[in-house]
Amino acid sequence: MAWHRQAPGKKREAVAHIFSAGSTKYAD
């Protein structure tokens, strides 16, 4: 699962991911 975001005039970017085992990954 993941959250992404898109600001006006910008490309969609990944914000955070969470994987089935519970590990996570975040944008800086």
mmCIF file of all heavy atoms, coordinates in Angstrom:
data_MODEL
# 
_entry.id   MODEL 
# 
loop_
_atom_site.group_PDB 
_atom_site.id 
_atom_site.type_symbol 
_atom_site.label_atom_id 
_atom_site.label_alt_id 
_atom_site.label_comp_id 
_atom_site.label_asym_id 
_atom_site.label_entity_id 
_atom_site.label_seq_id 
_atom_site.pdbx_PDB_ins_code 
_atom_site.Cartn_x 
_atom_site.Cartn_y 
_atom_site.Cartn_z 
_atom_site.occupancy 
_atom_site.B_iso_or_equiv 
_atom_site.pdbx_formal_charge 
_atom_site.auth_seq_id 
_atom_site.auth_comp_id 
_atom_site.auth_asym_id 
_atom_site.auth_atom_id 
_atom_site.pdbx_PDB_model_num 
ATOM 1   N N   . MET A 1 1  ? 0.842  -1.189 0.000   1.00 0.00 ? 1  MET A N   1 
ATOM 2   C CA  . MET A 1 1  ? 0.000  0.000  0.000   1.00 0.00 ? 1  MET A CA  1 
ATOM 3   C C   . MET A 1 1  ? 0.878  1.239  0.000   1.00 0.00 ? 1  MET A C   1 
ATOM 4   O O   . MET A 1 1  ? 1.998  1.212  0.515   1.00 0.00 ? 1  MET A O   1 
ATOM 5   C CB  . MET A 1 1  ? -0.896 0.006  1.245   1.00 0.00 ? 1  MET A CB  1 
ATOM 6   C CG  . MET A 1 1  ? -1.817 -1.184 1.343   1.00 0.00 ? 1  MET A CG  1 
ATOM 7   S SD  . MET A 1 1  ? -2.733 -1.172 2.905   1.00 0.00 ? 1  MET A SD  1 
ATOM 8   C CE  . MET A 1 1  ? -3.724 -2.661 2.717   1.00 0.00 ? 1  MET A CE  1 
ATOM 9   N N   . ALA A 1 2  ? 0.356  2.298  -0.551  1.00 0.00 ? 2  ALA A N   1 
ATOM 10  C CA  . ALA A 1 2  ? 1.148  3.514  -0.633  1.00 0.00 ? 2  ALA A CA  1 
ATOM 11  C C   . ALA A 1 2  ? 0.250  4.744  -0.669  1.00 0.00 ? 2  ALA A C   1 
ATOM 12  O O   . ALA A 1 2  ? -0.927 4.661  -1.045  1.00 0.00 ? 2  ALA A O   1 
ATOM 13  C CB  . ALA A 1 2  ? 2.029  3.499  -1.886  1.00 0.00 ? 2  ALA A CB  1 
ATOM 14  N N   . TRP A 1 3  ? 0.830  5.864  -0.260  1.00 0.00 ? 3  TRP A N   1 
ATOM 15  C CA  . TRP A 1 3  ? 0.217  7.169  -0.434  1.00 0.00 ? 3  TRP A CA  1 
ATOM 16  C C   . TRP A 1 3  ? 1.085  7.947  -1.425  1.00 0.00 ? 3  TRP A C   1 
ATOM 17  O O   . TRP A 1 3  ? 2.311  7.957  -1.326  1.00 0.00 ? 3  TRP A O   1 
ATOM 18  C CB  . TRP A 1 3  ? 0.145  7.925  0.878   1.00 0.00 ? 3  TRP A CB  1 
ATOM 19  C CG  . TRP A 1 3  ? -0.873 7.410  1.831   1.00 0.00 ? 3  TRP A CG  1 
ATOM 20  C CD1 . TRP A 1 3  ? -0.675 6.546  2.863   1.00 0.00 ? 3  TRP A CD1 1 
ATOM 21  C CD2 . TRP A 1 3  ? -2.269 7.714  1.839   1.00 0.00 ? 3  TRP A CD2 1 
ATOM 22  N NE1 . TRP A 1 3  ? -1.852 6.295  3.503   1.00 0.00 ? 3  TRP A NE1 1 
ATOM 23  C CE2 . TRP A 1 3  ? -2.855 7.000  2.900   1.00 0.00 ? 3  TRP A CE2 1 
ATOM 24  C CE3 . TRP A 1 3  ? -3.101 8.529  1.056   1.00 0.00 ? 3  TRP A CE3 1 
ATOM 25  C CZ2 . TRP A 1 3  ? -4.220 7.075  3.204   1.00 0.00 ? 3  TRP A CZ2 1 
ATOM 26  C CZ3 . TRP A 1 3  ? -4.451 8.602  1.344   1.00 0.00 ? 3  TRP A CZ3 1 
ATOM 27  C CH2 . TRP A 1 3  ? -4.991 7.879  2.410   1.00 0.00 ? 3  TRP A CH2 1 
ATOM 28  N N   . HIS A 1 4  ? 0.409  8.613  -2.343  1.00 0.00 ? 4  HIS A N   1 
ATOM 29  C CA  . HIS A 1 4  ? 1.071  9.490  -3.300  1.00 0.00 ? 4  HIS A CA  1 
ATOM 30  C C   . HIS A 1 4  ? 0.402  10.860 -3.201  1.00 0.00 ? 4  HIS A C   1 
ATOM 31  O O   . HIS A 1 4  ? -0.699 10.975 -2.668  1.00 0.00 ? 4  HIS A O   1 
ATOM 32  C CB  . HIS A 1 4  ? 0.898  8.965  -4.733  1.00 0.00 ? 4  HIS A CB  1 
ATOM 33  C CG  . HIS A 1 4  ? 1.406  7.579  -4.937  1.00 0.00 ? 4  HIS A CG  1 
ATOM 34  N ND1 . HIS A 1 4  ? 2.574  7.302  -5.621  1.00 0.00 ? 4  HIS A ND1 1 
ATOM 35  C CD2 . HIS A 1 4  ? 0.909  6.381  -4.546  1.00 0.00 ? 4  HIS A CD2 1 
ATOM 36  C CE1 . HIS A 1 4  ? 2.756  5.989  -5.649  1.00 0.00 ? 4  HIS A CE1 1 
ATOM 37  N NE2 . HIS A 1 4  ? 1.766  5.413  -5.001  1.00 0.00 ? 4  HIS A NE2 1 
ATOM 38  N N   . ARG A 1 5  ? 1.056  11.869 -3.735  1.00 0.00 ? 5  ARG A N   1 
ATOM 39  C CA  . ARG A 1 5  ? 0.427  13.188 -3.762  1.00 0.00 ? 5  ARG A CA  1 
ATOM 40  C C   . ARG A 1 5  ? 0.801  13.925 -5.038  1.00 0.00 ? 5  ARG A C   1 
ATOM 41  O O   . ARG A 1 5  ? 1.838  13.657 -5.647  1.00 0.00 ? 5  ARG A O   1 
ATOM 42  C CB  . ARG A 1 5  ? 0.838  14.020 -2.548  1.00 0.00 ? 5  ARG A CB  1 
ATOM 43  C CG  . ARG A 1 5  ? 2.299  14.405 -2.498  1.00 0.00 ? 5  ARG A CG  1 
ATOM 44  C CD  . ARG A 1 5  ? 2.603  15.123 -1.187  1.00 0.00 ? 5  ARG A CD  1 
ATOM 45  N NE  . ARG A 1 5  ? 4.001  15.525 -1.104  1.00 0.00 ? 5  ARG A NE  1 
ATOM 46  C CZ  . ARG A 1 5  ? 4.559  16.041 -0.018  1.00 0.00 ? 5  ARG A CZ  1 
ATOM 47  N NH1 . ARG A 1 5  ? 3.833  16.196 1.107   1.00 0.00 ? 5  ARG A NH1 1 
ATOM 48  N NH2 . ARG A 1 5  ? 5.832  16.408 -0.025  1.00 0.00 ? 5  ARG A NH2 1 
ATOM 49  N N   . GLN A 1 6  ? -0.085 14.842 -5.408  1.00 0.00 ? 6  GLN A N   1 
ATOM 50  C CA  . GLN A 1 6  ? 0.170  15.658 -6.582  1.00 0.00 ? 6  GLN A CA  1 
ATOM 51  C C   . GLN A 1 6  ? -0.233 17.090 -6.292  1.00 0.00 ? 6  GLN A C   1 
ATOM 52  O O   . GLN A 1 6  ? -1.406 17.376 -6.026  1.00 0.00 ? 6  GLN A O   1 
ATOM 53  C CB  . GLN A 1 6  ? -0.576 15.132 -7.807  1.00 0.00 ? 6  GLN A CB  1 
ATOM 54  C CG  . GLN A 1 6  ? -0.207 15.859 -9.085  1.00 0.00 ? 6  GLN A CG  1 
ATOM 55  C CD  . GLN A 1 6  ? -0.694 15.138 -10.325 1.00 0.00 ? 6  GLN A CD  1 
ATOM 56  O OE1 . GLN A 1 6  ? -1.589 14.292 -10.272 1.00 0.00 ? 6  GLN A OE1 1 
ATOM 57  N NE2 . GLN A 1 6  ? -0.090 15.447 -11.480 1.00 0.00 ? 6  GLN A NE2 1 
ATOM 58  N N   . ALA A 1 7  ? 0.755  17.971 -6.330  1.00 0.00 ? 7  ALA A N   1 
ATOM 59  C CA  . ALA A 1 7  ? 0.511  19.399 -6.141  1.00 0.00 ? 7  ALA A CA  1 
ATOM 60  C C   . ALA A 1 7  ? 0.233  20.045 -7.499  1.00 0.00 ? 7  ALA A C   1 
ATOM 61  O O   . ALA A 1 7  ? 0.662  19.518 -8.529  1.00 0.00 ? 7  ALA A O   1 
ATOM 62  C CB  . ALA A 1 7  ? 1.722  20.044 -5.473  1.00 0.00 ? 7  ALA A CB  1 
ATOM 63  N N   . PRO A 1 8  ? -0.451 21.185 -7.514  1.00 0.00 ? 8  PRO A N   1 
ATOM 64  C CA  . PRO A 1 8  ? -0.749 21.860 -8.781  1.00 0.00 ? 8  PRO A CA  1 
ATOM 65  C C   . PRO A 1 8  ? 0.513  22.130 -9.590  1.00 0.00 ? 8  PRO A C   1 
ATOM 66  O O   . PRO A 1 8  ? 1.495  22.665 -9.056  1.00 0.00 ? 8  PRO A O   1 
ATOM 67  C CB  . PRO A 1 8  ? -1.405 23.168 -8.329  1.00 0.00 ? 8  PRO A CB  1 
ATOM 68  C CG  . PRO A 1 8  ? -1.994 22.854 -7.007  1.00 0.00 ? 8  PRO A CG  1 
ATOM 69  C CD  . PRO A 1 8  ? -1.038 21.878 -6.373  1.00 0.00 ? 8  PRO A CD  1 
ATOM 70  N N   . GLY A 1 9  ? 0.506  21.727 -10.855 1.00 0.00 ? 9  GLY A N   1 
ATOM 71  C CA  . GLY A 1 9  ? 1.635  21.973 -11.741 1.00 0.00 ? 9  GLY A CA  1 
ATOM 72  C C   . GLY A 1 9  ? 2.820  21.059 -11.536 1.00 0.00 ? 9  GLY A C   1 
ATOM 73  O O   . GLY A 1 9  ? 3.869  21.247 -12.155 1.00 0.00 ? 9  GLY A O   1 
ATOM 74  N N   . LYS A 1 10 ? 2.667  20.067 -10.651 1.00 0.00 ? 10 LYS A N   1 
ATOM 75  C CA  . LYS A 1 10 ? 3.782  19.152 -10.376 1.00 0.00 ? 10 LYS A CA  1 
ATOM 76  C C   . LYS A 1 10 ? 3.393  17.717 -10.689 1.00 0.00 ? 10 LYS A C   1 
ATOM 77  O O   . LYS A 1 10 ? 2.214  17.377 -10.779 1.00 0.00 ? 10 LYS A O   1 
ATOM 78  C CB  . LYS A 1 10 ? 4.220  19.271 -8.910  1.00 0.00 ? 10 LYS A CB  1 
ATOM 79  C CG  . LYS A 1 10 ? 4.810  20.618 -8.561  1.00 0.00 ? 10 LYS A CG  1 
ATOM 80  C CD  . LYS A 1 10 ? 5.404  20.599 -7.168  1.00 0.00 ? 10 LYS A CD  1 
ATOM 81  C CE  . LYS A 1 10 ? 6.071  21.924 -6.848  1.00 0.00 ? 10 LYS A CE  1 
ATOM 82  N NZ  . LYS A 1 10 ? 6.686  21.927 -5.480  1.00 0.00 ? 10 LYS A NZ  1 
ATOM 83  N N   . LYS A 1 11 ? 4.400  16.868 -10.839 1.00 0.00 ? 11 LYS A N   1 
ATOM 84  C CA  . LYS A 1 11 ? 4.159  15.450 -11.089 1.00 0.00 ? 11 LYS A CA  1 
ATOM 85  C C   . LYS A 1 11 ? 3.714  14.758 -9.800  1.00 0.00 ? 11 LYS A C   1 
ATOM 86  O O   . LYS A 1 11 ? 4.057  15.200 -8.694  1.00 0.00 ? 11 LYS A O   1 
ATOM 87  C CB  . LYS A 1 11 ? 5.441  14.784 -11.615 1.00 0.00 ? 11 LYS A CB  1 
ATOM 88  C CG  . LYS A 1 11 ? 5.858  15.223 -13.009 1.00 0.00 ? 11 LYS A CG  1 
ATOM 89  C CD  . LYS A 1 11 ? 7.098  14.477 -13.468 1.00 0.00 ? 11 LYS A CD  1 
ATOM 90  C CE  . LYS A 1 11 ? 7.509  14.904 -14.867 1.00 0.00 ? 11 LYS A CE  1 
ATOM 91  N NZ  . LYS A 1 11 ? 8.735  14.182 -15.327 1.00 0.00 ? 11 LYS A NZ  1 
ATOM 92  N N   . ARG A 1 12 ? 2.971  13.675 -9.956  1.00 0.00 ? 12 ARG A N   1 
ATOM 93  C CA  . ARG A 1 12 ? 2.591  12.885 -8.794  1.00 0.00 ? 12 ARG A CA  1 
ATOM 94  C C   . ARG A 1 12 ? 3.853  12.244 -8.207  1.00 0.00 ? 12 ARG A C   1 
ATOM 95  O O   . ARG A 1 12 ? 4.707  11.747 -8.941  1.00 0.00 ? 12 ARG A O   1 
ATOM 96  C CB  . ARG A 1 12 ? 1.594  11.794 -9.196  1.00 0.00 ? 12 ARG A CB  1 
ATOM 97  C CG  . ARG A 1 12 ? 1.001  11.043 -8.040  1.00 0.00 ? 12 ARG A CG  1 
ATOM 98  C CD  . ARG A 1 12 ? -0.095 10.090 -8.493  1.00 0.00 ? 12 ARG A CD  1 
ATOM 99  N NE  . ARG A 1 12 ? -1.226 10.790 -9.080  1.00 0.00 ? 12 ARG A NE  1 
ATOM 100 C CZ  . ARG A 1 12 ? -2.363 10.179 -9.400  1.00 0.00 ? 12 ARG A CZ  1 
ATOM 101 N NH1 . ARG A 1 12 ? -2.523 8.885  -9.196  1.00 0.00 ? 12 ARG A NH1 1 
ATOM 102 N NH2 . ARG A 1 12 ? -3.338 10.868 -9.944  1.00 0.00 ? 12 ARG A NH2 1 
ATOM 103 N N   . GLU A 1 13 ? 3.944  12.256 -6.883  1.00 0.00 ? 13 GLU A N   1 
ATOM 104 C CA  . GLU A 1 13 ? 5.106  11.678 -6.212  1.00 0.00 ? 13 GLU A CA  1 
ATOM 105 C C   . GLU A 1 13 ? 4.657  10.729 -5.109  1.00 0.00 ? 13 GLU A C   1 
ATOM 106 O O   . GLU A 1 13 ? 3.628  10.931 -4.471  1.00 0.00 ? 13 GLU A O   1 
ATOM 107 C CB  . GLU A 1 13 ? 5.996  12.777 -5.614  1.00 0.00 ? 13 GLU A CB  1 
ATOM 108 C CG  . GLU A 1 13 ? 5.334  13.609 -4.540  1.00 0.00 ? 13 GLU A CG  1 
ATOM 109 C CD  . GLU A 1 13 ? 6.283  14.559 -3.824  1.00 0.00 ? 13 GLU A CD  1 
ATOM 110 O OE1 . GLU A 1 13 ? 7.514  14.446 -3.984  1.00 0.00 ? 13 GLU A OE1 1 
ATOM 111 O OE2 . GLU A 1 13 ? 5.791  15.422 -3.080  1.00 0.00 ? 13 GLU A OE2 1 
ATOM 112 N N   . ALA A 1 14 ? 5.482  9.704  -4.897  1.00 0.00 ? 14 ALA A N   1 
ATOM 113 C CA  . ALA A 1 14 ? 5.216  8.757  -3.814  1.00 0.00 ? 14 ALA A CA  1 
ATOM 114 C C   . ALA A 1 14 ? 5.625  9.395  -2.488  1.00 0.00 ? 14 ALA A C   1 
ATOM 115 O O   . ALA A 1 14 ? 6.708  9.979  -2.378  1.00 0.00 ? 14 ALA A O   1 
ATOM 116 C CB  . ALA A 1 14 ? 5.972  7.475  -4.040  1.00 0.00 ? 14 ALA A CB  1 
ATOM 117 N N   . VAL A 1 15 ? 4.760  9.283  -1.504  1.00 0.00 ? 15 VAL A N   1 
ATOM 118 C CA  . VAL A 1 15 ? 5.012  9.859  -0.179  1.00 0.00 ? 15 VAL A CA  1 
ATOM 119 C C   . VAL A 1 15 ? 5.477  8.782  0.797   1.00 0.00 ? 15 VAL A C   1 
ATOM 120 O O   . VAL A 1 15 ? 6.459  8.966  1.510   1.00 0.00 ? 15 VAL A O   1 
ATOM 121 C CB  . VAL A 1 15 ? 3.737  10.533 0.350   1.00 0.00 ? 15 VAL A CB  1 
ATOM 122 C CG1 . VAL A 1 15 ? 3.927  11.000 1.788   1.00 0.00 ? 15 VAL A CG1 1 
ATOM 123 C CG2 . VAL A 1 15 ? 3.341  11.704 -0.543  1.00 0.00 ? 15 VAL A CG2 1 
ATOM 124 N N   . ALA A 1 16 ? 4.767  7.656  0.807   1.00 0.00 ? 16 ALA A N   1 
ATOM 125 C CA  . ALA A 1 16 ? 5.092  6.589  1.757   1.00 0.00 ? 16 ALA A CA  1 
ATOM 126 C C   . ALA A 1 16 ? 4.539  5.276  1.242   1.00 0.00 ? 16 ALA A C   1 
ATOM 127 O O   . ALA A 1 16 ? 3.491  5.245  0.587   1.00 0.00 ? 16 ALA A O   1 
ATOM 128 C CB  . ALA A 1 16 ? 4.508  6.901  3.133   1.00 0.00 ? 16 ALA A CB  1 
ATOM 129 N N   . HIS A 1 17 ? 5.263  4.202  1.566   1.00 0.00 ? 17 HIS A N   1 
ATOM 130 C CA  . HIS A 1 17 ? 4.832  2.845  1.234   1.00 0.00 ? 17 HIS A CA  1 
ATOM 131 C C   . HIS A 1 17 ? 4.819  2.017  2.508   1.00 0.00 ? 17 HIS A C   1 
ATOM 132 O O   . HIS A 1 17 ? 5.649  2.225  3.401   1.00 0.00 ? 17 HIS A O   1 
ATOM 133 C CB  . HIS A 1 17 ? 5.803  2.178  0.269   1.00 0.00 ? 17 HIS A CB  1 
ATOM 134 C CG  . HIS A 1 17 ? 5.886  2.811  -1.082  1.00 0.00 ? 17 HIS A CG  1 
ATOM 135 N ND1 . HIS A 1 17 ? 5.258  2.293  -2.197  1.00 0.00 ? 17 HIS A ND1 1 
ATOM 136 C CD2 . HIS A 1 17 ? 6.538  3.923  -1.507  1.00 0.00 ? 17 HIS A CD2 1 
ATOM 137 C CE1 . HIS A 1 17 ? 5.529  3.051  -3.239  1.00 0.00 ? 17 HIS A CE1 1 
ATOM 138 N NE2 . HIS A 1 17 ? 6.301  4.044  -2.852  1.00 0.00 ? 17 HIS A NE2 1 
ATOM 139 N N   . ILE A 1 18 ? 3.911  1.047  2.563   1.00 0.00 ? 18 ILE A N   1 
ATOM 140 C CA  . ILE A 1 18 ? 3.960  0.045  3.621   1.00 0.00 ? 18 ILE A CA  1 
ATOM 141 C C   . ILE A 1 18 ? 3.726  -1.307 2.973   1.00 0.00 ? 18 ILE A C   1 
ATOM 142 O O   . ILE A 1 18 ? 2.779  -1.493 2.201   1.00 0.00 ? 18 ILE A O   1 
ATOM 143 C CB  . ILE A 1 18 ? 2.955  0.337  4.753   1.00 0.00 ? 18 ILE A CB  1 
ATOM 144 C CG1 . ILE A 1 18 ? 3.128  -0.679 5.884   1.00 0.00 ? 18 ILE A CG1 1 
ATOM 145 C CG2 . ILE A 1 18 ? 1.513  0.386  4.252   1.00 0.00 ? 18 ILE A CG2 1 
ATOM 146 C CD1 . ILE A 1 18 ? 2.440  -0.251 7.179   1.00 0.00 ? 18 ILE A CD1 1 
ATOM 147 N N   . PHE A 1 19 ? 4.604  -2.249 3.265   1.00 0.00 ? 19 PHE A N   1 
ATOM 148 C CA  . PHE A 1 19 ? 4.588  -3.544 2.602   1.00 0.00 ? 19 PHE A CA  1 
ATOM 149 C C   . PHE A 1 19 ? 3.896  -4.567 3.473   1.00 0.00 ? 19 PHE A C   1 
ATOM 150 O O   . PHE A 1 19 ? 3.576  -4.309 4.642   1.00 0.00 ? 19 PHE A O   1 
ATOM 151 C CB  . PHE A 1 19 ? 6.017  -3.911 2.231   1.00 0.00 ? 19 PHE A CB  1 
ATOM 152 C CG  . PHE A 1 19 ? 6.674  -2.872 1.359   1.00 0.00 ? 19 PHE A CG  1 
ATOM 153 C CD1 . PHE A 1 19 ? 7.525  -1.922 1.899   1.00 0.00 ? 19 PHE A CD1 1 
ATOM 154 C CD2 . PHE A 1 19 ? 6.389  -2.808 0.003   1.00 0.00 ? 19 PHE A CD2 1 
ATOM 155 C CE1 . PHE A 1 19 ? 8.102  -0.937 1.097   1.00 0.00 ? 19 PHE A CE1 1 
ATOM 156 C CE2 . PHE A 1 19 ? 6.959  -1.829 -0.801  1.00 0.00 ? 19 PHE A CE2 1 
ATOM 157 C CZ  . PHE A 1 19 ? 7.800  -0.895 -0.260  1.00 0.00 ? 19 PHE A CZ  1 
ATOM 158 N N   . SER A 1 20 ? 3.644  -5.744 2.908   1.00 0.00 ? 20 SER A N   1 
ATOM 159 C CA  . SER A 1 20 ? 2.806  -6.718 3.596   1.00 0.00 ? 20 SER A CA  1 
ATOM 160 C C   . SER A 1 20 ? 3.387  -7.142 4.944   1.00 0.00 ? 20 SER A C   1 
ATOM 161 O O   . SER A 1 20 ? 2.639  -7.431 5.876   1.00 0.00 ? 20 SER A O   1 
ATOM 162 C CB  . SER A 1 20 ? 2.582  -7.944 2.709   1.00 0.00 ? 20 SER A CB  1 
ATOM 163 O OG  . SER A 1 20 ? 3.816  -8.520 2.334   1.00 0.00 ? 20 SER A OG  1 
ATOM 164 N N   . ALA A 1 21 ? 4.715  -7.163 5.054   1.00 0.00 ? 21 ALA A N   1 
ATOM 165 C CA  . ALA A 1 21 ? 5.347  -7.557 6.315   1.00 0.00 ? 21 ALA A CA  1 
ATOM 166 C C   . ALA A 1 21 ? 5.410  -6.407 7.318   1.00 0.00 ? 21 ALA A C   1 
ATOM 167 O O   . ALA A 1 21 ? 5.877  -6.602 8.448   1.00 0.00 ? 21 ALA A O   1 
ATOM 168 C CB  . ALA A 1 21 ? 6.747  -8.109 6.057   1.00 0.00 ? 21 ALA A CB  1 
ATOM 169 N N   . GLY A 1 22 ? 4.974  -5.222 6.878   1.00 0.00 ? 22 GLY A N   1 
ATOM 170 C CA  . GLY A 1 22 ? 4.949  -4.081 7.789   1.00 0.00 ? 22 GLY A CA  1 
ATOM 171 C C   . GLY A 1 22 ? 6.078  -3.093 7.632   1.00 0.00 ? 22 GLY A C   1 
ATOM 172 O O   . GLY A 1 22 ? 6.076  -2.029 8.267   1.00 0.00 ? 22 GLY A O   1 
ATOM 173 N N   . SER A 1 23 ? 7.046  -3.406 6.784   1.00 0.00 ? 23 SER A N   1 
ATOM 174 C CA  . SER A 1 23 ? 8.126  -2.446 6.589   1.00 0.00 ? 23 SER A CA  1 
ATOM 175 C C   . SER A 1 23 ? 7.605  -1.224 5.847   1.00 0.00 ? 23 SER A C   1 
ATOM 176 O O   . SER A 1 23 ? 6.616  -1.298 5.122   1.00 0.00 ? 23 SER A O   1 
ATOM 177 C CB  . SER A 1 23 ? 9.277  -3.088 5.822   1.00 0.00 ? 23 SER A CB  1 
ATOM 178 O OG  . SER A 1 23 ? 8.840  -3.547 4.557   1.00 0.00 ? 23 SER A OG  1 
ATOM 179 N N   . THR A 1 24 ? 8.289  -0.119 6.035   1.00 0.00 ? 24 THR A N   1 
ATOM 180 C CA  . THR A 1 24 ? 7.832  1.155  5.469   1.00 0.00 ? 24 THR A CA  1 
ATOM 181 C C   . THR A 1 24 ? 8.966  1.863  4.733   1.00 0.00 ? 24 THR A C   1 
ATOM 182 O O   . THR A 1 24 ? 10.147 1.611  4.957   1.00 0.00 ? 24 THR A O   1 
ATOM 183 C CB  . THR A 1 24 ? 7.291  2.093  6.559   1.00 0.00 ? 24 THR A CB  1 
ATOM 184 O OG1 . THR A 1 24 ? 8.323  2.309  7.530   1.00 0.00 ? 24 THR A OG1 1 
ATOM 185 C CG2 . THR A 1 24 ? 6.078  1.495  7.251   1.00 0.00 ? 24 THR A CG2 1 
ATOM 186 N N   . LYS A 1 25 ? 8.558  2.782  3.872   1.00 0.00 ? 25 LYS A N   1 
ATOM 187 C CA  . LYS A 1 25 ? 9.512  3.584  3.114   1.00 0.00 ? 25 LYS A CA  1 
ATOM 188 C C   . LYS A 1 25 ? 8.890  4.956  2.926   1.00 0.00 ? 25 LYS A C   1 
ATOM 189 O O   . LYS A 1 25 ? 7.704  5.061  2.629   1.00 0.00 ? 25 LYS A O   1 
ATOM 190 C CB  . LYS A 1 25 ? 9.782  2.931  1.756   1.00 0.00 ? 25 LYS A CB  1 
ATOM 191 C CG  . LYS A 1 25 ? 10.760 3.668  0.874   1.00 0.00 ? 25 LYS A CG  1 
ATOM 192 C CD  . LYS A 1 25 ? 10.928 2.927  -0.459  1.00 0.00 ? 25 LYS A CD  1 
ATOM 193 C CE  . LYS A 1 25 ? 11.851 3.661  -1.402  1.00 0.00 ? 25 LYS A CE  1 
ATOM 194 N NZ  . LYS A 1 25 ? 11.989 2.940  -2.704  1.00 0.00 ? 25 LYS A NZ  1 
ATOM 195 N N   . TYR A 1 26 ? 9.705  6.010  3.133   1.00 0.00 ? 26 TYR A N   1 
ATOM 196 C CA  . TYR A 1 26 ? 9.196  7.374  3.060   1.00 0.00 ? 26 TYR A CA  1 
ATOM 197 C C   . TYR A 1 26 ? 10.014 8.230  2.094   1.00 0.00 ? 26 TYR A C   1 
ATOM 198 O O   . TYR A 1 26 ? 11.226 8.039  1.945   1.00 0.00 ? 26 TYR A O   1 
ATOM 199 C CB  . TYR A 1 26 ? 9.244  8.037  4.434   1.00 0.00 ? 26 TYR A CB  1 
ATOM 200 C CG  . TYR A 1 26 ? 8.332  7.406  5.452   1.00 0.00 ? 26 TYR A CG  1 
ATOM 201 C CD1 . TYR A 1 26 ? 8.810  6.412  6.306   1.00 0.00 ? 26 TYR A CD1 1 
ATOM 202 C CD2 . TYR A 1 26 ? 7.001  7.809  5.565   1.00 0.00 ? 26 TYR A CD2 1 
ATOM 203 C CE1 . TYR A 1 26 ? 7.969  5.818  7.233   1.00 0.00 ? 26 TYR A CE1 1 
ATOM 204 C CE2 . TYR A 1 26 ? 6.158  7.230  6.502   1.00 0.00 ? 26 TYR A CE2 1 
ATOM 205 C CZ  . TYR A 1 26 ? 6.648  6.234  7.336   1.00 0.00 ? 26 TYR A CZ  1 
ATOM 206 O OH  . TYR A 1 26 ? 5.819  5.652  8.262   1.00 0.00 ? 26 TYR A OH  1 
ATOM 207 N N   . ALA A 1 27 ? 9.351  9.198  1.495   1.00 0.00 ? 27 ALA A N   1 
ATOM 208 C CA  . ALA A 1 27 ? 10.068 10.211 0.749   1.00 0.00 ? 27 ALA A CA  1 
ATOM 209 C C   . ALA A 1 27 ? 10.874 11.054 1.741   1.00 0.00 ? 27 ALA A C   1 
ATOM 210 O O   . ALA A 1 27 ? 10.438 11.262 2.884   1.00 0.00 ? 27 ALA A O   1 
ATOM 211 C CB  . ALA A 1 27 ? 9.091  11.103 -0.010  1.00 0.00 ? 27 ALA A CB  1 
ATOM 212 N N   . ASP A 1 28 ? 12.025 11.538 1.320   1.00 0.00 ? 28 ASP A N   1 
ATOM 213 C CA  . ASP A 1 28 ? 12.880 12.330 2.204   1.00 0.00 ? 28 ASP A CA  1 
ATOM 214 C C   . ASP A 1 28 ? 12.137 13.545 2.748   1.00 0.00 ? 28 ASP A C   1 
ATOM 215 O O   . ASP A 1 28 ? 12.350 13.963 3.892   1.00 0.00 ? 28 ASP A O   1 
ATOM 216 C CB  . ASP A 1 28 ? 14.139 12.781 1.466   1.00 0.00 ? 28 ASP A CB  1 
ATOM 217 C CG  . ASP A 1 28 ? 15.113 11.638 1.216   1.00 0.00 ? 28 ASP A CG  1 
ATOM 218 O OD1 . ASP A 1 28 ? 14.977 10.594 1.883   1.00 0.00 ? 28 ASP A OD1 1 
ATOM 219 O OD2 . ASP A 1 28 ? 15.992 11.796 0.354   1.00 0.00 ? 28 ASP A OD2 1 
# 
